[in-house]
Amino acid sequence: MGLMTTEHIHTRETKQTDAAMRRRAPRWLYQCVSLFAKLKHTICAVYFAIQVVIFVKFGPTDIRNLRVFDPIVMAGSFAALALLHVLFLSLGPRTTPWMTWHPLRWASRITSFDSVRPRLWLGYISDDTALAAFNVFEVVCQSYQLVSLMAVVVDAWFVTSFATVVVLHCFVTPWLFYNQTTSRDHTLLVGWTSSLFSFCLSCLFPFVGICLPALEYLLVNPAIGNDPLWISRIILMSRAIVASSPLDFATKIVMDVATLVSLRRLTHVLATYSSATIAPTTSRRQLSTSSSSITCRSPTHSVAKASIPAANRRPLAIALLVVLVTWGAALTILLLRTSFFRTACPPTCVAHATPLLDLTCRCKYVHVNCH
């Protein structure tokens, strides 16, 4: 009789847990993530498709003027990225109901994966460690791109916007790691901010800097093509955006792939977040009744296995805080030094670049009155 009572209680708890786990997560959360994902995938797909068309139509003169690394390799890479964005955009609406109504299946798959992951890797690598390492690697690539474009681009708004996002990434990400409330909350916030930062740097800013002026020239005002200053600005901007060396190409591809990885990670975290936060709490009476024959495991436990415990996560957060904040502070000092202590250019210099480590006048366009 005691065994039947225990099995009955266990079955009833399982049904109650399954029913509670199938509840919807907050609707506004899914709407925000869905809107952000669709907008991000659409802009990135259009941007990469435009780049593919441009690289395919490049001639020898264009390749020489823009110092393109390898048009064929770049066209193939951007075509693959554009197709991946279109694929994820088309699969998004069909995967959202599955994640919304069946988070228990997702959590069980995560649990089964966590059980075999130590056998797949030589050492246990937690999601928090991978997330921290991925953000540091992103900041390294973004900083390299910032240094490269500051030596070429003459548009102050583009340089300022790019530098601001890189500095924010250095300060915001470790702050979210250090001032975390729960593992799920900080993982969701870090994933969302990382996805936003990578999207701005790899797609949004280049799209606004190159594609919109090109559309203005083609559709609105073709006369701007006769302006030498406008042509110089576009060529210099294109040189900064287009890869000119294998290292430059590698860092750009890392930033572009990061837009996909961060968004897929964000969707994954959202599914585990909903399955963990709505889990019902087992009463003490039920625990005391069934403790002799069964062991209760909450869904939060299965999801939290992928993260480091709070006590062990603090050193990781401190290390990430020290590394990124130190680099962010150094980058801020260098940017202020570049802005306020640079050697003034002569009046004939209409447009000049602002290299990060060189304070001399780097004039890119000179207006000479021959009359």
Protein backbone atom coordinates (compact mmCIF):
# COMPACT_ATOMS: atom_id res chain seq x y z
CA MET A 1 0.00 0.00 0.00
CA GLY A 2 2.82 2.38 0.82
CA LEU A 3 4.47 1.68 -2.53
CA MET A 4 1.24 2.33 -4.44
CA THR A 5 0.73 5.60 -2.56
CA THR A 6 4.25 6.72 -3.39
CA GLU A 7 3.82 5.86 -7.08
CA HIS A 8 0.50 7.67 -7.12
CA ILE A 9 2.05 10.80 -5.61
CA HIS A 10 4.98 10.63 -8.03
CA THR A 11 2.62 10.29 -11.04
CA ARG A 12 0.48 13.20 -9.86
CA GLU A 13 3.58 15.41 -9.33
CA THR A 14 4.85 14.50 -12.80
CA LYS A 15 1.53 15.45 -14.42
CA GLN A 16 1.36 18.72 -12.50
CA THR A 17 4.94 19.56 -13.46
CA ASP A 18 4.32 18.69 -17.12
CA ALA A 19 1.19 20.84 -17.21
CA ALA A 20 2.92 23.77 -15.56
CA MET A 21 5.94 23.49 -17.82
CA ARG A 22 3.73 23.79 -20.92
CA ARG A 23 2.49 27.22 -19.93
CA ARG A 24 3.53 30.13 -22.04
CA ALA A 25 6.44 32.33 -21.09
CA PRO A 26 5.72 36.09 -21.03
CA ARG A 27 4.30 37.04 -24.39
CA TRP A 28 6.18 40.32 -24.60
CA LEU A 29 9.48 38.48 -24.25
CA TYR A 30 8.78 36.29 -27.27
CA GLN A 31 7.51 39.28 -29.25
CA CYS A 32 10.63 41.35 -28.55
CA VAL A 33 12.99 38.52 -29.42
CA SER A 34 10.96 37.59 -32.51
CA LEU A 35 10.88 41.18 -33.77
CA PHE A 36 14.60 41.64 -33.12
CA ALA A 37 15.42 38.35 -34.84
CA LYS A 38 13.35 39.11 -37.94
CA LEU A 39 14.77 42.62 -38.28
CA LYS A 40 18.31 41.39 -37.75
CA HIS A 41 18.02 38.49 -40.21
CA THR A 42 16.39 40.69 -42.86
CA ILE A 43 18.97 43.48 -42.73
CA CYS A 44 21.89 41.06 -42.61
CA ALA A 45 20.55 38.97 -45.52
CA VAL A 46 20.04 42.07 -47.68
CA TYR A 47 23.44 43.46 -46.74
CA PHE A 48 25.30 40.23 -47.51
CA ALA A 49 23.36 39.74 -50.77
CA ILE A 50 24.34 43.25 -51.91
CA GLN A 51 27.96 42.47 -51.12
CA VAL A 52 27.79 39.26 -53.16
CA VAL A 53 26.47 41.16 -56.19
CA ILE A 54 29.17 43.81 -55.81
CA PHE A 55 32.02 41.29 -55.52
CA VAL A 56 30.78 39.30 -58.52
CA LYS A 57 30.71 42.45 -60.66
CA PHE A 58 34.12 43.67 -59.52
CA GLY A 59 36.63 44.29 -62.28
CA PRO A 60 40.43 44.44 -62.05
CA THR A 61 40.34 48.23 -61.61
CA ASP A 62 37.80 48.03 -58.78
CA ILE A 63 39.80 45.33 -57.03
CA ARG A 64 42.94 47.45 -57.24
CA ASN A 65 41.25 50.67 -56.08
CA LEU A 66 39.48 49.08 -53.11
CA ARG A 67 42.35 46.69 -52.29
CA VAL A 68 40.05 43.68 -52.12
CA PHE A 69 41.54 40.53 -50.59
CA ASP A 70 39.86 37.84 -52.76
CA PRO A 71 36.49 38.65 -54.41
CA ILE A 72 35.63 35.00 -55.14
CA VAL A 73 36.25 33.80 -51.59
CA MET A 74 34.45 36.78 -50.10
CA ALA A 75 31.47 36.40 -52.45
CA GLY A 76 31.13 32.72 -51.54
CA SER A 77 31.39 33.41 -47.81
CA PHE A 78 28.84 36.22 -47.86
CA ALA A 79 26.49 34.16 -50.04
CA ALA A 80 26.58 31.39 -47.43
CA LEU A 81 25.91 33.91 -44.64
CA ALA A 82 23.00 35.44 -46.58
CA LEU A 83 21.45 32.00 -47.14
CA LEU A 84 21.83 31.14 -43.46
CA HIS A 85 20.06 34.33 -42.44
CA VAL A 86 17.24 33.61 -44.90
CA LEU A 87 17.02 30.02 -43.62
CA PHE A 88 16.81 31.06 -39.97
CA LEU A 89 14.30 33.76 -40.87
CA SER A 90 12.06 31.21 -42.61
CA LEU A 91 12.40 28.66 -39.80
CA GLY A 92 11.75 31.15 -37.03
CA PRO A 93 7.91 31.17 -37.06
CA ARG A 94 7.78 27.38 -37.14
CA THR A 95 10.21 26.90 -34.27
CA THR A 96 8.64 29.48 -31.97
CA PRO A 97 5.41 27.49 -31.19
CA TRP A 98 7.49 24.39 -30.46
CA MET A 99 9.66 26.29 -28.00
CA THR A 100 6.61 27.99 -26.50
CA TRP A 101 4.41 24.94 -25.92
CA HIS A 102 7.00 22.23 -25.27
CA PRO A 103 9.81 23.66 -23.14
CA LEU A 104 9.96 20.40 -21.16
CA ARG A 105 11.19 18.52 -24.23
CA TRP A 106 13.82 21.19 -24.78
CA ALA A 107 14.94 20.99 -21.15
CA SER A 108 15.10 17.18 -21.33
CA ARG A 109 17.29 17.40 -24.44
CA ILE A 110 19.57 19.84 -22.66
CA THR A 111 19.76 17.45 -19.70
CA SER A 112 20.64 14.51 -21.95
CA PHE A 113 23.27 16.58 -23.73
CA ASP A 114 24.76 17.70 -20.42
CA SER A 115 25.02 14.07 -19.34
CA VAL A 116 27.25 13.14 -22.30
CA ARG A 117 29.14 16.44 -22.69
CA PRO A 118 31.91 15.55 -20.17
CA ARG A 119 32.62 12.44 -22.26
CA LEU A 120 32.82 14.47 -25.46
CA TRP A 121 35.29 17.04 -24.11
CA LEU A 122 38.59 16.54 -22.35
CA GLY A 123 37.43 18.87 -19.61
CA TYR A 124 34.11 20.26 -18.49
CA ILE A 125 33.40 23.58 -20.22
CA SER A 126 30.37 25.34 -18.81
CA ASP A 127 28.07 27.67 -20.72
CA ASP A 128 29.28 30.60 -18.61
CA THR A 129 32.92 29.91 -19.50
CA ALA A 130 32.11 29.53 -23.18
CA LEU A 131 30.02 32.70 -23.11
CA ALA A 132 32.81 34.69 -21.44
CA ALA A 133 35.46 33.40 -23.85
CA PHE A 134 33.23 34.11 -26.84
CA ASN A 135 32.67 37.71 -25.71
CA VAL A 136 36.40 38.28 -25.18
CA PHE A 137 37.14 36.89 -28.65
CA GLU A 138 34.44 39.14 -30.11
CA VAL A 139 35.92 42.22 -28.44
CA VAL A 140 39.37 41.37 -29.83
CA CYS A 141 38.03 41.15 -33.39
CA GLN A 142 35.94 44.29 -32.97
CA SER A 143 38.92 46.23 -31.61
CA TYR A 144 41.04 45.16 -34.57
CA GLN A 145 38.36 46.39 -36.96
CA LEU A 146 38.12 49.68 -35.05
CA VAL A 147 41.86 50.31 -35.35
CA SER A 148 41.76 49.44 -39.07
CA LEU A 149 38.85 51.70 -39.99
CA MET A 150 40.11 54.65 -37.92
CA ALA A 151 43.22 54.73 -40.12
CA VAL A 152 41.13 55.04 -43.29
CA VAL A 153 37.59 56.36 -42.75
CA VAL A 154 37.04 60.14 -42.78
CA ASP A 155 33.38 60.09 -41.67
CA ALA A 156 33.40 61.15 -38.03
CA TRP A 157 29.92 59.76 -37.31
CA PHE A 158 30.90 56.28 -38.49
CA VAL A 159 34.11 56.19 -36.44
CA THR A 160 32.38 57.59 -33.35
CA SER A 161 29.45 55.16 -33.57
CA PHE A 162 31.70 52.15 -34.12
CA ALA A 163 34.02 53.12 -31.25
CA THR A 164 31.08 53.78 -28.91
CA VAL A 165 29.61 50.31 -29.47
CA VAL A 166 32.98 48.61 -28.94
CA VAL A 167 33.53 50.52 -25.68
CA LEU A 168 29.99 49.72 -24.52
CA HIS A 169 30.62 46.05 -25.22
CA CYS A 170 33.73 46.24 -23.01
CA PHE A 171 31.80 47.77 -20.10
CA VAL A 172 28.25 46.38 -20.35
CA THR A 173 29.05 42.68 -20.79
CA PRO A 174 31.26 42.27 -17.68
CA TRP A 175 28.82 44.39 -15.67
CA LEU A 176 26.03 41.96 -16.56
CA PHE A 177 28.26 39.04 -15.60
CA TYR A 178 29.27 40.58 -12.29
CA ASN A 179 25.87 41.98 -11.21
CA GLN A 180 23.83 38.92 -12.02
CA THR A 181 20.68 37.91 -10.19
CA THR A 182 20.26 34.39 -11.51
CA SER A 183 22.13 32.30 -14.06
CA ARG A 184 19.23 32.41 -16.52
CA ASP A 185 18.72 36.16 -16.23
CA HIS A 186 22.34 37.11 -16.81
CA THR A 187 22.73 34.60 -19.67
CA LEU A 188 19.66 36.03 -21.38
CA LEU A 189 20.84 39.63 -20.94
CA VAL A 190 24.40 38.88 -22.05
CA GLY A 191 23.12 37.01 -25.10
CA TRP A 192 20.78 39.84 -26.04
CA THR A 193 23.35 42.62 -25.64
CA SER A 194 26.07 40.63 -27.41
CA SER A 195 23.71 39.97 -30.31
CA LEU A 196 22.83 43.66 -30.50
CA PHE A 197 26.47 44.79 -30.42
CA SER A 198 27.61 42.32 -33.08
CA PHE A 199 24.64 43.22 -35.29
CA CYS A 200 25.46 46.94 -35.16
CA LEU A 201 29.15 46.48 -35.92
CA SER A 202 28.98 43.82 -38.61
CA CYS A 203 25.81 44.76 -40.51
CA LEU A 204 23.96 47.89 -39.42
CA PHE A 205 26.78 50.46 -39.56
CA PRO A 206 28.24 49.18 -42.87
CA PHE A 207 24.73 49.03 -44.33
CA VAL A 208 24.07 52.65 -43.38
CA GLY A 209 27.56 53.78 -44.40
CA ILE A 210 27.67 52.17 -47.86
CA CYS A 211 24.32 50.85 -49.02
CA LEU A 212 22.23 53.92 -48.21
CA PRO A 213 24.58 56.38 -49.98
CA ALA A 214 24.67 54.02 -52.96
CA LEU A 215 20.86 53.92 -53.07
CA GLU A 216 20.78 57.71 -52.82
CA TYR A 217 23.13 57.92 -55.79
CA LEU A 218 21.15 55.42 -57.87
CA LEU A 219 17.58 56.46 -57.03
CA VAL A 220 17.51 60.00 -55.65
CA ASN A 221 20.41 62.19 -56.69
CA PRO A 222 22.79 60.83 -59.36
CA ALA A 223 24.54 64.22 -59.46
CA ILE A 224 26.41 63.46 -56.22
CA GLY A 225 28.57 61.10 -58.27
CA ASN A 226 30.26 64.19 -59.71
CA ASP A 227 31.40 65.34 -56.27
CA PRO A 228 35.05 64.30 -55.76
CA LEU A 229 34.71 64.55 -51.98
CA TRP A 230 31.70 62.20 -51.97
CA ILE A 231 33.52 59.70 -54.17
CA SER A 232 36.58 59.84 -51.91
CA ARG A 233 34.46 59.25 -48.81
CA ILE A 234 32.72 56.24 -50.36
CA ILE A 235 35.98 54.70 -51.60
CA LEU A 236 37.64 55.11 -48.20
CA MET A 237 34.58 53.71 -46.43
CA SER A 238 34.57 50.74 -48.81
CA ARG A 239 38.24 50.07 -48.13
CA ALA A 240 37.50 49.89 -44.42
CA ILE A 241 34.49 47.60 -44.84
CA VAL A 242 35.92 45.29 -47.52
CA ALA A 243 38.60 42.86 -46.33
CA SER A 244 42.06 43.68 -47.63
CA SER A 245 44.13 40.87 -46.05
CA PRO A 246 43.64 37.33 -44.70
CA LEU A 247 43.67 38.61 -41.10
CA ASP A 248 41.19 41.35 -41.93
CA PHE A 249 38.96 38.82 -43.67
CA ALA A 250 39.15 36.42 -40.70
CA THR A 251 38.13 39.08 -38.16
CA LYS A 252 35.26 40.24 -40.35
CA ILE A 253 33.99 36.68 -40.79
CA VAL A 254 34.18 36.13 -37.02
CA MET A 255 32.06 39.24 -36.44
CA ASP A 256 29.58 38.19 -39.13
CA VAL A 257 29.28 34.64 -37.81
CA ALA A 258 28.89 36.06 -34.30
CA THR A 259 25.64 37.69 -35.40
CA LEU A 260 24.27 34.23 -36.18
CA VAL A 261 25.73 32.48 -33.13
CA SER A 262 24.55 35.11 -30.68
CA LEU A 263 21.02 35.06 -32.04
CA ARG A 264 20.74 31.25 -31.99
CA ARG A 265 22.16 31.24 -28.46
CA LEU A 266 19.60 33.86 -27.48
CA THR A 267 16.76 31.71 -28.81
CA HIS A 268 18.16 28.68 -26.99
CA VAL A 269 18.46 30.57 -23.71
CA LEU A 270 14.93 31.90 -24.08
CA ALA A 271 13.59 28.35 -24.38
CA THR A 272 15.46 27.16 -21.30
CA TYR A 273 14.56 30.39 -19.50
CA SER A 274 10.83 29.80 -19.98
CA SER A 275 11.05 26.15 -18.97
CA ALA A 276 12.93 27.01 -15.78
CA THR A 277 11.13 30.11 -14.55
CA ILE A 278 7.59 28.75 -14.68
CA ALA A 279 8.36 25.49 -12.91
CA PRO A 280 6.05 24.83 -9.94
CA THR A 281 7.38 24.56 -6.43
CA THR A 282 6.96 21.24 -4.63
CA SER A 283 5.45 21.56 -1.17
CA ARG A 284 7.21 20.31 1.94
CA ARG A 285 4.38 17.86 2.65
CA GLN A 286 4.83 16.18 -0.74
CA LEU A 287 8.57 16.06 -0.28
CA SER A 288 8.27 14.47 3.16
CA THR A 289 5.72 11.91 1.90
CA SER A 290 7.75 10.74 -1.08
CA SER A 291 11.29 11.20 0.23
CA SER A 292 11.54 7.55 1.30
CA SER A 293 11.24 6.16 -2.23
CA ILE A 294 11.74 8.93 -4.80
CA THR A 295 14.06 11.86 -5.34
CA CYS A 296 12.50 15.06 -6.62
CA ARG A 297 14.44 17.03 -9.24
CA SER A 298 13.13 20.37 -10.30
CA PRO A 299 13.38 21.55 -13.91
CA THR A 300 15.54 24.39 -12.69
CA HIS A 301 18.15 21.88 -11.58
CA SER A 302 18.34 20.26 -15.01
CA VAL A 303 18.70 23.57 -16.76
CA ALA A 304 21.15 25.00 -14.25
CA LYS A 305 23.53 22.10 -14.82
CA ALA A 306 24.79 23.90 -17.89
CA SER A 307 25.99 26.82 -15.77
CA ILE A 308 28.53 27.27 -13.05
CA PRO A 309 27.20 27.57 -9.47
CA ALA A 310 27.00 31.11 -8.14
CA ALA A 311 29.90 30.59 -5.72
CA ASN A 312 32.20 29.37 -8.50
CA ARG A 313 30.94 31.89 -11.06
CA ARG A 314 32.23 34.89 -9.12
CA PRO A 315 35.94 34.39 -10.04
CA LEU A 316 34.95 34.05 -13.69
CA ALA A 317 32.92 37.26 -13.51
CA ILE A 318 35.79 39.09 -11.80
CA ALA A 319 38.28 37.88 -14.43
CA LEU A 320 36.00 38.97 -17.26
CA LEU A 321 35.39 42.28 -15.50
CA VAL A 322 39.12 42.98 -15.11
CA VAL A 323 40.04 42.03 -18.69
CA LEU A 324 37.27 43.82 -20.57
CA VAL A 325 36.99 46.88 -18.32
CA THR A 326 40.77 47.38 -18.44
CA TRP A 327 40.76 47.21 -22.21
CA GLY A 328 37.65 49.41 -22.40
CA ALA A 329 39.28 52.04 -20.19
CA ALA A 330 42.50 51.96 -22.23
CA LEU A 331 40.51 52.23 -25.44
CA THR A 332 38.54 55.17 -24.06
CA ILE A 333 41.74 57.00 -23.09
CA LEU A 334 43.22 56.41 -26.55
CA LEU A 335 40.04 57.66 -28.23
CA LEU A 336 39.97 60.83 -26.12
CA ARG A 337 43.66 61.35 -26.85
CA THR A 338 42.97 60.96 -30.56
CA SER A 339 40.11 63.46 -30.46
CA PHE A 340 41.61 66.26 -28.35
CA PHE A 341 45.38 66.05 -28.81
CA ARG A 342 45.70 65.53 -32.55
CA THR A 343 47.83 67.84 -34.68
CA ALA A 344 45.59 70.28 -36.54
CA CYS A 345 45.40 69.82 -40.30
CA PRO A 346 45.92 72.77 -42.67
CA PRO A 347 42.86 74.57 -44.08
CA THR A 348 43.32 72.91 -47.46
CA CYS A 349 42.67 69.49 -45.88
CA VAL A 350 38.94 68.93 -46.30
CA ALA A 351 38.78 65.34 -45.01
CA HIS A 352 41.22 63.50 -42.76
CA ALA A 353 41.39 60.19 -40.94
CA THR A 354 41.97 59.81 -37.20
CA PRO A 355 44.29 56.84 -36.54
CA LEU A 356 44.15 55.54 -33.00
CA LEU A 357 47.89 55.61 -32.30
CA ASP A 358 49.06 58.34 -34.67
CA LEU A 359 48.38 61.96 -33.73
CA THR A 360 49.72 63.54 -36.92
CA CYS A 361 47.46 64.92 -39.64
CA ARG A 362 46.37 62.11 -41.94
CA CYS A 363 44.75 64.09 -44.74
CA LYS A 364 42.76 62.05 -47.26
CA TYR A 365 41.32 64.80 -49.44
CA VAL A 366 42.95 68.15 -50.22
CA HIS A 367 41.15 71.05 -51.88
CA VAL A 368 43.55 73.14 -53.95
CA ASN A 369 42.36 76.34 -55.62
CA CYS A 370 44.38 76.71 -58.80
CA HIS A 371 42.82 80.06 -59.83
